[in-house]
């Protein structure tokens, strides 16, 4: 990489000027606070406001990150769906812990959620699968996610075969290798951009069933 390209990256700057986030003005329930910020992100028309980085650890101890979509959240946790045989699925077999990171640039906000990951029930996975567009359902059958393939034609051929087989169907049965997970939060950190890189960070940690909050230096 040339020095010119490196210098271009070094010179990138974004000034932050948000309203301060304090231990007093943040909601005392982090689940409610997340809901408020998610609604703000949706109303701000951010592209894919439910996009999040899912961080797992593989069997060798190497961190793995990728973008997935949040598909639901409540007091029980934060849900996403995937192929159980994917890299993230295999990672979670060996280490059922993960971190989720949301970044909403228009709002100068970030949320980081860490916790234990559990499979959701087969019934709930099936209920969500049935809501997906038929093209997405077929895609879940066509892709051997995270497995090596020779070229894109493998996927196209798989999809064509599935389309031909189920051309009269309006919905498909959920494959056993596909379903949902819930991240049960034990820590939730809210980050709000501020000037001079002195950003606000408020962290909640679940201790003996109660959320305790503290302020962290940026």
Protein backbone atom coordinates (compact mmCIF):
# COMPACT_ATOMS: atom_id res chain seq x y z
CA UNK A 1 0.00 0.00 0.00
CA UNK A 2 1.38 3.43 -0.95
CA UNK A 3 2.10 6.19 1.55
CA UNK A 4 -0.49 8.32 -0.21
CA UNK A 5 -3.29 5.86 0.53
CA UNK A 6 -2.13 5.46 4.10
CA UNK A 7 -2.09 9.23 4.59
CA UNK A 8 -5.62 9.49 3.24
CA UNK A 9 -6.84 7.12 5.92
CA UNK A 10 -4.85 8.86 8.64
CA UNK A 11 -6.36 12.19 7.70
CA UNK A 12 -9.97 11.06 7.95
CA UNK A 13 -11.70 12.92 10.75
CA UNK A 14 -15.26 13.08 12.02
CA UNK A 15 -16.28 15.65 14.59
CA UNK A 16 -18.88 14.58 17.15
CA UNK A 17 -21.18 17.04 18.87
CA UNK A 18 -24.00 15.06 20.46
CA UNK A 19 -25.92 15.86 23.61
CA UNK A 20 -24.06 14.38 26.60
CA UNK A 21 -25.03 10.94 27.85
CA UNK A 22 -24.87 10.73 31.64
CA UNK A 23 -25.75 8.29 34.40
CA UNK A 24 -28.63 10.62 35.26
CA UNK A 25 -30.24 11.15 31.85
CA UNK A 26 -29.90 7.57 30.59
CA UNK A 27 -32.86 5.27 31.25
CA UNK A 28 -32.30 3.22 34.37
CA UNK A 29 -33.28 0.05 32.47
CA UNK A 30 -30.78 -0.76 29.69
CA UNK A 31 -33.39 -2.82 27.81
CA UNK A 32 -35.66 0.23 27.65
CA UNK A 33 -32.73 2.44 26.67
CA UNK A 34 -31.84 0.10 23.81
CA UNK A 35 -35.44 0.15 22.61
CA UNK A 36 -35.44 3.96 22.62
CA UNK A 37 -32.22 4.13 20.61
CA UNK A 38 -33.36 1.47 18.14
CA UNK A 39 -36.56 3.41 17.51
CA UNK A 40 -34.48 6.57 16.97
CA UNK A 41 -32.30 4.68 14.47
CA UNK A 42 -35.35 3.44 12.55
CA UNK A 43 -36.92 6.91 12.47
CA UNK A 44 -33.62 8.38 11.26
CA UNK A 45 -33.90 6.18 8.15
CA UNK A 46 -30.47 4.66 8.69
CA UNK A 47 -29.74 1.91 6.19
CA UNK A 48 -30.32 -1.42 7.96
CA UNK A 49 -30.66 0.01 11.50
CA UNK A 50 -30.88 -3.57 12.77
CA UNK A 51 -27.49 -4.51 11.27
CA UNK A 52 -25.03 -5.58 13.96
CA UNK A 53 -21.56 -7.05 14.19
CA UNK A 54 -21.77 -10.51 15.76
CA UNK A 55 -18.50 -11.46 17.44
CA UNK A 56 -17.82 -15.09 18.35
CA UNK A 57 -14.68 -17.08 19.20
CA UNK A 58 -13.68 -20.10 17.13
CA UNK A 59 -12.33 -23.36 18.62
CA UNK A 60 -8.73 -22.13 18.28
CA UNK A 61 -9.49 -19.02 20.34
CA UNK A 62 -9.47 -16.64 17.36
CA UNK A 63 -12.18 -13.94 17.38
CA UNK A 64 -14.57 -13.95 14.42
CA UNK A 65 -16.82 -11.08 13.42
CA UNK A 66 -19.47 -10.59 10.75
CA UNK A 67 -22.55 -8.46 10.11
CA UNK A 68 -25.92 -10.08 10.77
CA UNK A 69 -29.43 -8.68 11.24
CA UNK A 70 -31.23 -8.37 14.55
CA UNK A 71 -34.64 -9.97 14.10
CA UNK A 72 -36.23 -9.34 17.47
CA UNK A 73 -35.52 -8.33 21.04
CA UNK A 74 -37.30 -8.34 24.38
CA UNK A 75 -36.54 -9.02 28.04
CA UNK A 76 -35.36 -12.51 27.04
CA UNK A 77 -32.60 -11.35 24.70
CA UNK A 78 -31.59 -10.32 21.19
CA UNK A 79 -32.47 -12.70 18.34
CA UNK A 80 -30.84 -13.53 15.03
CA UNK A 81 -31.18 -16.42 12.59
CA UNK A 82 -28.63 -18.40 10.63
CA UNK A 83 -27.48 -21.78 9.35
CA UNK A 84 -26.52 -23.88 12.40
CA UNK A 85 -23.68 -25.39 10.38
CA UNK A 86 -22.13 -22.01 9.55
CA UNK A 87 -18.90 -20.79 11.11
CA UNK A 88 -20.81 -18.80 13.73
CA UNK A 89 -22.95 -21.82 14.50
CA UNK A 90 -19.88 -24.00 15.00
CA UNK A 91 -18.20 -21.29 17.10
CA UNK A 92 -21.21 -21.15 19.40
CA UNK A 93 -21.12 -24.90 19.95
CA UNK A 94 -17.61 -24.59 21.40
CA UNK A 95 -18.12 -21.26 23.17
CA UNK A 96 -21.75 -20.12 23.63
CA UNK A 97 -20.81 -16.50 24.29
CA UNK A 98 -20.96 -13.55 21.92
CA UNK A 99 -20.89 -9.79 21.62
CA UNK A 100 -23.18 -7.70 19.43
CA UNK A 101 -22.16 -4.23 18.26
CA UNK A 102 -24.51 -1.68 16.71
CA UNK A 103 -23.20 1.54 15.17
CA UNK A 104 -25.62 4.26 14.05
CA UNK A 105 -23.46 6.88 12.41
CA UNK A 106 -26.18 9.49 11.83
CA UNK A 107 -26.91 9.50 15.54
CA UNK A 108 -23.27 9.21 16.62
CA UNK A 109 -24.19 6.20 18.76
CA UNK A 110 -22.91 2.72 19.43
CA UNK A 111 -24.29 -0.10 21.58
CA UNK A 112 -22.30 -3.15 22.66
CA UNK A 113 -24.10 -6.18 24.11
CA UNK A 114 -22.33 -9.20 25.61
CA UNK A 115 -23.88 -12.39 26.91
CA UNK A 116 -24.63 -16.09 26.72
CA UNK A 117 -26.10 -17.41 23.46
CA UNK A 118 -28.92 -19.94 23.40
CA UNK A 119 -30.85 -21.58 20.57
CA UNK A 120 -34.45 -20.50 20.41
CA UNK A 121 -37.18 -23.14 20.23
CA UNK A 122 -37.83 -25.04 17.01
CA UNK A 123 -41.38 -23.66 17.06
CA UNK A 124 -40.17 -20.05 17.19
CA UNK A 125 -37.60 -20.69 14.46
CA UNK A 126 -40.28 -22.23 12.25
CA UNK A 127 -42.68 -19.34 12.90
CA UNK A 128 -40.06 -16.82 11.76
CA UNK A 129 -38.98 -18.93 8.77
CA UNK A 130 -42.58 -19.00 7.54
CA UNK A 131 -42.64 -15.18 7.59
CA UNK A 132 -39.64 -14.91 5.27
CA UNK A 133 -40.15 -14.26 1.55
CA UNK A 134 -40.14 -17.45 -0.50
CA UNK A 135 -36.89 -16.37 -2.19
CA UNK A 136 -35.19 -16.12 1.21
CA UNK A 137 -36.55 -19.52 2.21
CA UNK A 138 -35.12 -21.02 -0.97
CA UNK A 139 -31.81 -19.29 -0.36
CA UNK A 140 -31.53 -20.97 3.03
CA UNK A 141 -31.85 -24.33 1.29
CA UNK A 142 -29.53 -23.46 -1.58
CA UNK A 143 -26.51 -22.23 0.38
CA UNK A 144 -24.20 -24.58 2.32
CA UNK A 145 -23.17 -21.58 4.41
CA UNK A 146 -19.46 -21.22 5.27
CA UNK A 147 -18.52 -24.33 3.29
CA UNK A 148 -16.02 -24.04 0.42
CA UNK A 149 -17.56 -24.03 -3.06
CA UNK A 150 -15.85 -23.96 -6.45
CA UNK A 151 -17.70 -20.92 -7.83
CA UNK A 152 -21.01 -19.06 -7.78
CA UNK A 153 -22.51 -21.50 -10.27
CA UNK A 154 -22.84 -24.02 -7.43
CA UNK A 155 -25.27 -21.69 -5.68
CA UNK A 156 -27.12 -20.84 -8.87
CA UNK A 157 -27.53 -24.52 -9.76
CA UNK A 158 -28.73 -25.34 -6.25
CA UNK A 159 -31.26 -22.52 -6.36
CA UNK A 160 -32.57 -23.53 -9.79
CA UNK A 161 -33.10 -27.10 -8.61
CA UNK A 162 -34.97 -25.90 -5.54
CA UNK A 163 -37.08 -23.47 -7.58
CA UNK A 164 -38.03 -26.27 -9.95
CA UNK A 165 -38.84 -28.67 -7.12
CA UNK A 166 -41.00 -26.19 -5.21
CA UNK A 167 -42.35 -24.05 -8.05
CA UNK A 168 -45.95 -24.59 -6.93
CA UNK A 169 -45.28 -23.85 -3.28
CA UNK A 170 -45.98 -20.54 -1.56
CA UNK A 171 -43.93 -21.42 1.52
CA UNK A 172 -41.38 -24.08 2.43
CA UNK A 173 -40.71 -26.16 5.51
CA UNK A 174 -37.89 -24.90 7.69
CA UNK A 175 -34.75 -27.04 7.21
CA UNK A 176 -33.42 -28.55 10.44
CA UNK A 177 -30.03 -26.90 9.89
CA UNK A 178 -31.53 -23.39 10.03
CA UNK A 179 -32.87 -21.49 13.04
CA UNK A 180 -32.48 -18.80 15.63
CA UNK A 181 -30.32 -17.82 18.56
CA UNK A 182 -30.88 -15.44 21.46
CA UNK A 183 -28.09 -13.44 23.07
CA UNK A 184 -29.00 -13.16 26.75
CA UNK A 185 -27.29 -9.95 27.82
CA UNK A 186 -25.09 -9.69 30.89
CA UNK A 187 -23.44 -6.40 29.85
CA UNK A 188 -24.79 -3.54 27.73
CA UNK A 189 -22.72 -0.46 26.94
CA UNK A 190 -24.10 2.75 25.41
CA UNK A 191 -21.67 5.05 23.59
CA UNK A 192 -22.45 8.59 22.51
CA UNK A 193 -19.99 10.57 20.42
CA UNK A 194 -18.59 13.79 21.93
CA UNK A 195 -16.08 16.45 20.95
CA UNK A 196 -12.32 16.05 21.45
CA UNK A 197 -12.82 12.27 21.38
CA UNK A 198 -14.06 12.45 24.98
CA UNK A 199 -17.00 10.23 24.17
CA UNK A 200 -19.64 9.23 26.72
CA UNK A 201 -19.75 5.55 27.73
CA UNK A 202 -22.28 4.16 30.19
CA UNK A 203 -22.09 0.44 30.94
CA UNK A 204 -24.75 -1.70 32.59
CA UNK A 205 -23.78 -5.05 34.11
CA UNK A 206 -26.24 -7.62 35.41
CA UNK A 207 -25.27 -8.55 38.97
CA UNK A 208 -27.43 -10.85 41.10
CA UNK A 209 -30.43 -10.07 38.93
CA UNK A 210 -29.99 -6.29 39.08
CA UNK A 211 -28.54 -3.97 36.46
CA UNK A 212 -25.66 -1.90 37.88
CA UNK A 213 -24.39 1.04 35.84
CA UNK A 214 -21.09 2.84 35.71
CA UNK A 215 -19.36 5.42 33.56
CA UNK A 216 -16.28 4.38 31.56
CA UNK A 217 -13.51 6.59 30.21
CA UNK A 218 -13.45 6.73 26.40
